[in-house]
Protein backbone atom coordinates (compact mmCIF):
# COMPACT_ATOMS: atom_id res chain seq x y z
CA MET A 1 -27.56 -80.71 55.09
CA GLY A 2 -29.72 -82.47 52.90
CA SER A 3 -31.26 -78.71 51.91
CA LYS A 4 -27.94 -76.88 52.30
CA LYS A 5 -26.45 -79.62 48.97
CA LEU A 6 -29.43 -78.96 47.13
CA TRP A 7 -29.02 -74.91 46.85
CA LEU A 8 -24.97 -75.45 46.45
CA PRO A 9 -24.87 -76.36 43.24
CA LEU A 10 -27.27 -73.11 42.25
CA LEU A 11 -25.01 -70.92 44.27
CA LEU A 12 -21.99 -72.44 41.75
CA LEU A 13 -23.70 -71.86 38.75
CA LEU A 14 -24.34 -68.01 40.09
CA PHE A 15 -20.72 -68.13 40.95
CA ALA A 16 -19.48 -69.09 38.04
CA ALA A 17 -21.68 -66.78 35.89
CA LEU A 18 -20.64 -63.61 38.36
CA VAL A 19 -17.16 -64.89 37.31
CA VAL A 20 -17.61 -64.61 33.78
CA TRP A 21 -19.52 -61.00 33.95
CA ASN A 22 -16.50 -59.59 36.41
CA GLY A 23 -13.73 -60.68 33.84
CA LEU A 24 -15.26 -58.77 31.56
CA LYS A 25 -15.11 -55.72 33.20
CA ARG A 26 -12.58 -52.97 32.07
CA SER A 27 -10.26 -51.79 34.73
CA GLU A 28 -9.79 -47.77 34.40
CA PRO A 29 -5.69 -47.48 32.65
CA ALA A 30 -2.48 -46.20 34.40
CA ASP A 31 -1.82 -42.92 33.06
CA ALA A 32 1.43 -42.43 30.96
CA GLY A 33 4.56 -42.45 33.66
CA GLY A 34 2.92 -42.76 36.85
CA GLY A 35 0.04 -45.39 38.56
CA ILE A 36 -0.03 -48.77 39.29
CA ILE A 37 0.07 -51.84 36.89
CA VAL A 38 -0.77 -54.98 38.04
CA ILE A 39 -0.07 -58.37 36.52
CA LEU A 40 -1.35 -61.62 37.36
CA GLN A 41 -1.12 -64.69 36.25
CA THR A 42 -3.32 -65.07 34.12
CA LYS A 43 -6.80 -62.95 32.71
CA ASP A 44 -8.55 -65.99 32.19
CA VAL A 45 -12.37 -65.45 33.10
CA ASN A 46 -12.54 -69.52 34.02
CA SER A 47 -9.38 -68.78 36.26
CA SER A 48 -12.14 -68.28 39.76
CA TYR A 49 -9.11 -67.82 42.21
CA TRP A 50 -6.89 -64.97 39.82
CA GLN A 51 -10.65 -63.08 39.07
CA THR A 52 -10.88 -63.23 42.99
CA VAL A 53 -7.64 -61.48 43.22
CA ARG A 54 -8.45 -58.61 40.29
CA SER A 55 -11.46 -58.03 42.13
CA GLY A 56 -9.84 -56.77 45.34
CA ALA A 57 -7.25 -54.92 43.27
CA LEU A 58 -10.12 -52.89 41.54
CA ALA A 59 -11.83 -52.23 45.00
CA ALA A 60 -8.51 -50.87 46.31
CA ALA A 61 -8.02 -48.85 43.58
CA LYS A 62 -11.63 -47.54 43.35
CA GLU A 63 -11.80 -46.82 47.08
CA LEU A 64 -7.74 -44.95 47.44
CA ASP A 65 -8.44 -43.53 44.23
CA VAL A 66 -5.17 -44.57 42.91
CA ALA A 67 -4.97 -45.21 38.14
CA LEU A 68 -4.76 -48.85 37.79
CA GLU A 69 -4.43 -50.98 35.12
CA LEU A 70 -5.01 -54.49 35.16
CA LEU A 71 -2.97 -57.51 33.09
CA GLY A 72 -2.35 -60.62 32.56
CA PRO A 73 -1.74 -63.66 30.34
CA THR A 74 -4.64 -64.68 28.01
CA GLY A 75 -4.10 -68.46 28.47
CA ALA A 76 -3.56 -70.03 32.15
CA GLU A 77 -0.28 -69.41 33.03
CA ALA A 78 1.79 -68.38 30.15
CA ALA A 79 5.41 -67.47 31.34
CA GLU A 80 6.52 -65.97 27.99
CA GLU A 81 3.76 -63.94 27.83
CA GLN A 82 4.16 -62.84 31.45
CA LYS A 83 7.59 -61.94 30.09
CA GLU A 84 6.22 -59.55 27.57
CA LEU A 85 3.99 -57.73 29.83
CA LEU A 86 6.22 -57.49 32.40
CA ARG A 87 8.62 -55.60 29.83
CA GLY A 88 6.20 -53.10 28.31
CA ALA A 89 4.93 -52.36 31.88
CA ILE A 90 8.45 -51.34 33.16
CA ALA A 91 8.26 -49.10 29.08
CA ALA A 92 5.28 -47.71 30.65
CA ARG A 93 7.11 -46.08 33.53
CA PRO A 94 4.42 -46.48 36.57
CA GLU A 95 5.32 -45.84 40.15
CA ALA A 96 4.46 -49.21 41.03
CA ILE A 97 4.06 -52.78 39.37
CA VAL A 98 2.20 -55.49 41.65
CA LEU A 99 3.63 -58.66 40.31
CA ALA A 100 2.15 -62.29 40.47
CA PRO A 101 5.71 -64.10 39.18
CA ILE A 102 5.04 -66.91 37.10
CA ALA A 103 8.29 -68.01 36.89
CA GLU A 104 11.27 -65.52 37.93
CA GLU A 105 13.70 -67.62 35.84
CA ARG A 106 12.56 -66.17 32.74
CA LEU A 107 11.55 -62.72 34.47
CA SER A 108 15.58 -61.72 35.22
CA GLU A 109 15.98 -59.38 32.82
CA GLU A 110 12.97 -57.70 33.52
CA LEU A 111 13.03 -57.26 37.15
CA ASP A 112 16.91 -55.82 37.40
CA ALA A 113 15.34 -53.15 35.04
CA CYS A 114 12.49 -53.07 37.25
CA ARG A 115 14.63 -51.77 39.98
CA LYS A 116 16.82 -49.35 37.68
CA ALA A 117 14.12 -47.53 36.49
CA GLY A 118 13.05 -46.82 40.32
CA ILE A 119 9.93 -48.25 40.00
CA LYS A 120 8.11 -49.75 43.08
CA LEU A 121 7.61 -53.65 42.93
CA ILE A 122 4.96 -55.33 44.90
CA VAL A 123 5.51 -59.11 44.33
CA ILE A 124 2.29 -61.58 45.83
CA ASP A 125 1.01 -65.13 46.09
CA THR A 126 4.27 -66.35 44.06
CA PRO A 127 7.67 -65.42 46.08
CA LEU A 128 10.97 -64.06 44.66
CA LEU A 129 13.77 -65.96 45.83
CA SER A 130 16.66 -64.33 44.39
CA HIS A 131 15.34 -60.58 43.08
CA PRO A 132 14.37 -57.82 45.65
CA TYR A 133 11.63 -56.66 45.80
CA ASP A 134 9.78 -53.84 48.00
CA SER A 135 6.97 -56.39 49.95
CA TYR A 136 5.53 -59.52 49.91
CA VAL A 137 1.89 -59.81 50.08
CA SER A 138 0.48 -63.51 50.70
CA SER A 139 -0.53 -66.15 52.52
CA ASP A 140 2.64 -68.47 53.84
CA HIS A 141 2.74 -71.88 51.92
CA VAL A 142 5.21 -73.57 54.29
CA GLU A 143 2.78 -72.76 56.83
CA GLU A 144 -0.05 -74.37 54.59
CA GLY A 145 2.09 -77.12 54.56
CA ARG A 146 2.42 -77.48 58.28
CA VAL A 147 -1.08 -77.70 58.39
CA ALA A 148 -1.95 -79.99 55.63
CA ALA A 149 0.77 -82.29 57.88
CA ASP A 150 -1.93 -81.63 60.96
CA MET A 151 -4.80 -82.81 58.77
CA LEU A 152 -3.30 -86.42 57.80
CA ALA A 153 -1.88 -86.81 61.21
CA PRO A 154 -3.83 -85.47 64.16
CA ASP A 155 -2.16 -87.90 66.42
CA LYS A 156 0.96 -90.27 66.70
CA ARG A 157 -1.73 -93.63 66.75
CA LYS A 158 -1.48 -93.75 63.23
CA LYS A 159 1.72 -93.10 60.75
CA PRO A 160 0.46 -91.55 57.28
CA VAL A 161 1.69 -93.34 54.75
CA TYR A 162 0.84 -90.87 51.79
CA ALA A 163 2.40 -89.52 48.90
CA PHE A 164 2.00 -85.80 46.80
CA ILE A 165 0.76 -84.91 43.34
CA THR A 166 1.25 -81.55 41.58
CA SER A 167 0.69 -80.81 37.93
CA ASP A 168 4.08 -78.57 37.92
CA ASP A 169 6.95 -79.88 39.94
CA ASP A 170 8.79 -76.61 39.20
CA SER A 171 6.27 -74.37 41.23
CA VAL A 172 7.82 -72.38 44.14
CA VAL A 173 4.60 -72.53 46.00
CA ALA A 174 4.33 -76.19 45.36
CA SER A 175 7.54 -76.66 46.75
CA GLN A 176 7.14 -74.25 49.87
CA ARG A 177 3.70 -76.35 50.69
CA ARG A 178 5.58 -79.84 49.98
CA GLN A 179 8.47 -78.36 52.74
CA GLY A 180 5.77 -77.82 55.47
CA VAL A 181 4.74 -81.14 55.07
CA LEU A 182 7.81 -83.22 55.12
CA GLU A 183 9.13 -80.51 58.63
CA LYS A 184 6.20 -81.34 60.25
CA LEU A 185 6.36 -85.12 59.11
CA PRO A 186 9.93 -85.94 59.35
CA PRO A 187 11.30 -89.46 58.41
CA GLY A 188 10.62 -91.89 61.63
CA GLU A 189 6.90 -90.15 61.83
CA ALA A 190 5.83 -90.86 58.48
CA PHE A 191 6.25 -92.35 55.35
CA SER A 192 6.61 -90.33 52.11
CA LEU A 193 5.78 -91.82 48.79
CA GLY A 194 7.44 -89.25 46.95
CA THR A 195 5.82 -86.46 44.62
CA ILE A 196 4.52 -86.95 41.49
CA ASP A 197 4.25 -85.08 38.31
CA VAL A 198 0.68 -85.75 36.82
CA GLY A 199 0.81 -82.82 34.52
CA LYS A 200 -2.42 -81.13 33.26
CA SER A 201 -4.03 -84.43 33.03
CA GLU A 202 -6.94 -85.70 34.61
CA GLU A 203 -6.51 -89.09 33.78
CA GLN A 204 -2.91 -89.12 34.38
CA ALA A 205 -3.99 -88.34 37.85
CA TYR A 206 -6.65 -91.42 38.28
CA ARG A 207 -4.11 -93.85 36.46
CA THR A 208 -1.60 -92.50 38.94
CA VAL A 209 -3.66 -93.01 42.03
CA LYS A 210 -5.08 -95.62 41.53
CA SER A 211 -1.82 -97.82 40.83
CA LEU A 212 -0.45 -96.10 44.13
CA THR A 213 -3.28 -97.36 46.16
CA VAL A 214 -2.41 -101.12 44.40
CA ALA A 215 1.01 -100.87 44.78
CA TYR A 216 0.60 -99.62 49.02
CA PRO A 217 -2.28 -101.10 49.92
CA GLY A 218 -1.47 -99.28 53.31
CA MET A 219 -1.57 -95.83 51.72
CA ASN A 220 -4.08 -93.16 54.35
CA GLY A 221 -2.82 -90.27 52.37
CA ILE A 222 -2.92 -87.95 49.33
CA VAL A 223 -1.72 -84.53 49.24
CA ALA A 224 -2.25 -82.06 46.10
CA LEU A 225 -0.38 -79.65 45.70
CA THR A 226 -1.77 -78.35 42.71
CA ASP A 227 -5.45 -78.07 42.06
CA VAL A 228 -5.06 -79.68 38.33
CA GLY A 229 -5.88 -83.61 38.85
CA VAL A 230 -7.80 -83.08 42.63
CA SER A 231 -10.99 -84.46 40.57
CA GLY A 232 -8.77 -87.49 38.71
CA ALA A 233 -7.19 -88.75 42.71
CA ALA A 234 -10.57 -88.41 44.10
CA ARG A 235 -12.49 -90.28 41.54
CA ALA A 236 -9.78 -93.01 41.46
CA LEU A 237 -10.09 -93.05 45.48
CA GLU A 238 -13.74 -93.48 45.11
CA ASP A 239 -13.65 -96.53 42.79
CA GLN A 240 -11.54 -98.25 45.23
CA GLY A 241 -13.65 -97.27 47.89
CA LEU A 242 -11.50 -95.93 49.58
CA SER A 243 -12.41 -91.79 49.72
CA HIS A 244 -12.97 -92.00 53.43
CA SER A 245 -9.79 -94.42 54.59
CA VAL A 246 -7.56 -92.20 52.45
CA LYS A 247 -7.39 -88.32 53.34
CA LEU A 248 -7.34 -86.18 50.53
CA ILE A 249 -6.11 -82.82 51.33
CA GLY A 250 -6.11 -80.18 48.49
CA PHE A 251 -5.21 -76.13 48.23
CA ASP A 252 -7.30 -72.84 47.34
CA SER A 253 -10.45 -73.56 45.98
CA SER A 254 -11.38 -74.47 42.95
CA LEU A 255 -15.29 -75.30 41.33
CA PRO A 256 -14.05 -78.98 41.34
CA GLU A 257 -12.72 -78.95 44.71
CA ILE A 258 -15.20 -77.67 46.42
CA GLN A 259 -18.12 -80.29 44.61
CA LEU A 260 -15.34 -83.16 46.10
CA LEU A 261 -15.65 -81.29 49.81
CA GLU A 262 -19.03 -80.83 49.36
CA ARG A 263 -19.65 -84.50 48.55
CA GLY A 264 -17.38 -85.84 51.10
CA ARG A 265 -14.88 -86.60 48.59
CA MET A 266 -11.99 -84.40 50.09
CA HIS A 267 -10.72 -84.96 53.22
CA ALA A 268 -9.91 -80.60 53.34
CA LEU A 269 -9.22 -77.72 51.24
CA ILE A 270 -6.40 -75.39 52.68
CA VAL A 271 -7.82 -71.98 51.41
CA GLN A 272 -6.00 -68.67 50.48
CA ASN A 273 -7.68 -65.10 50.76
CA PRO A 274 -7.13 -64.19 46.94
CA PHE A 275 -9.48 -60.86 47.45
CA ASN A 276 -7.37 -59.95 50.01
CA MET A 277 -4.42 -60.68 48.45
CA GLY A 278 -5.20 -58.36 45.71
CA TYR A 279 -6.32 -55.71 47.90
CA LEU A 280 -3.63 -55.82 49.67
CA GLY A 281 -1.20 -56.21 46.95
CA VAL A 282 -2.69 -52.27 45.67
CA GLU A 283 -2.83 -50.82 49.12
CA THR A 284 0.64 -51.94 49.41
CA ALA A 285 1.93 -50.31 46.76
CA SER A 286 0.00 -47.22 47.09
CA ALA A 287 1.51 -46.88 50.78
CA VAL A 288 5.04 -47.29 48.86
CA MET A 289 4.42 -44.72 46.55
CA GLN A 290 3.90 -42.14 49.07
CA GLY A 291 7.18 -42.87 50.91
CA ARG A 292 5.07 -44.86 53.88
CA LYS A 293 7.06 -47.88 55.28
CA ARG A 294 4.84 -51.67 55.03
CA PRO A 295 5.77 -54.75 56.14
CA GLN A 296 8.57 -57.01 54.00
CA TRP A 297 6.15 -59.66 54.11
CA VAL A 298 2.19 -59.27 54.39
CA ASP A 299 1.53 -62.65 55.75
CA ILE A 300 -2.39 -63.31 54.69
CA PRO A 301 -4.08 -66.23 56.92
CA SER A 302 -4.93 -68.84 54.75
CA ALA A 303 -8.13 -70.84 56.49
CA THR A 304 -8.57 -74.92 56.61
CA ILE A 305 -11.97 -75.69 55.27
CA THR A 306 -13.88 -78.96 55.67
CA SER A 307 -17.53 -80.58 54.86
CA ALA A 308 -18.18 -80.19 58.82
CA ASN A 309 -17.30 -76.06 58.83
CA MET A 310 -17.35 -75.36 54.87
CA TYR A 311 -21.33 -73.89 54.87
CA GLU A 312 -20.06 -71.18 58.14
CA PRO A 313 -20.21 -67.33 57.04
CA GLU A 314 -16.63 -66.74 56.54
CA ASN A 315 -15.47 -69.79 54.73
CA GLN A 316 -18.49 -69.53 52.40
CA LYS A 317 -16.66 -66.20 51.37
CA LEU A 318 -13.46 -67.47 51.13
CA LEU A 319 -15.34 -70.22 48.99
CA PHE A 320 -17.76 -68.03 46.97
CA PRO A 321 -16.33 -64.44 46.95
CA PHE A 322 -18.56 -62.97 44.43
CA VAL A 323 -22.08 -64.64 45.65
CA SER A 324 -21.42 -63.76 49.52
């Protein structure tokens, strides 16, 4: 393990450099009145997750020889900017739009307009709850929560006492993950301390988790529903000497989370396959455009990654998609 720890930081540096390089690549624009427009939650080159989705979409477009335009807010999950991008995409009249919605309630008018225009709509990552679509391509976020619950309580000998932390309490994905945990750990079998929104602040996450460990000395688990705040939570547990006795479980695979997992400061990461999401989003759009039937839900299984299995080849591909 020691030699692996030496080369992992080098891989992280290479990964970051390749993400930035990939983010600067231009996608082929869709022809007016045709092709596919993909609207992500952000085009920020620092977001490895969405850059990997982008790469999957580009790979599918090249393989299938379809015109593709990739759009997304320049900042982190800017809902109003995405609304304007969707409005412009509908006006361009593509054959299909692949959308990763940030806030469905803010897109209601545009989603209705998309359907009225006869544009095929493929949804990825975050489900639409109140508007129709042709297909949904994503992991099962409720099942991800069930897996997190199994990691918290692999047996019934010790009752979990745990808290949720999140950076966005309105997130549909976070809500579904929480639902999955609560389904597997109902009252009586576990004690939930509730959900705490730590905003975008690592320091707030640090203070919150430190306070929880003092107020509830029997706490033995934290489920981080979003990746923001995880580093603060891990630092609080380390400062309290609780890194091994309190399980910290997260989702997806930001660079800070990967580093915490490698150092043994996280118990597990439940990781989606963003490359497949981008690829299958475009592939599904292409199939629907041609009148071929596709499932209402294209499920992409997530993987559970721990420090014990993170170096396995398939997990390396998920953690370091541009390196692998």
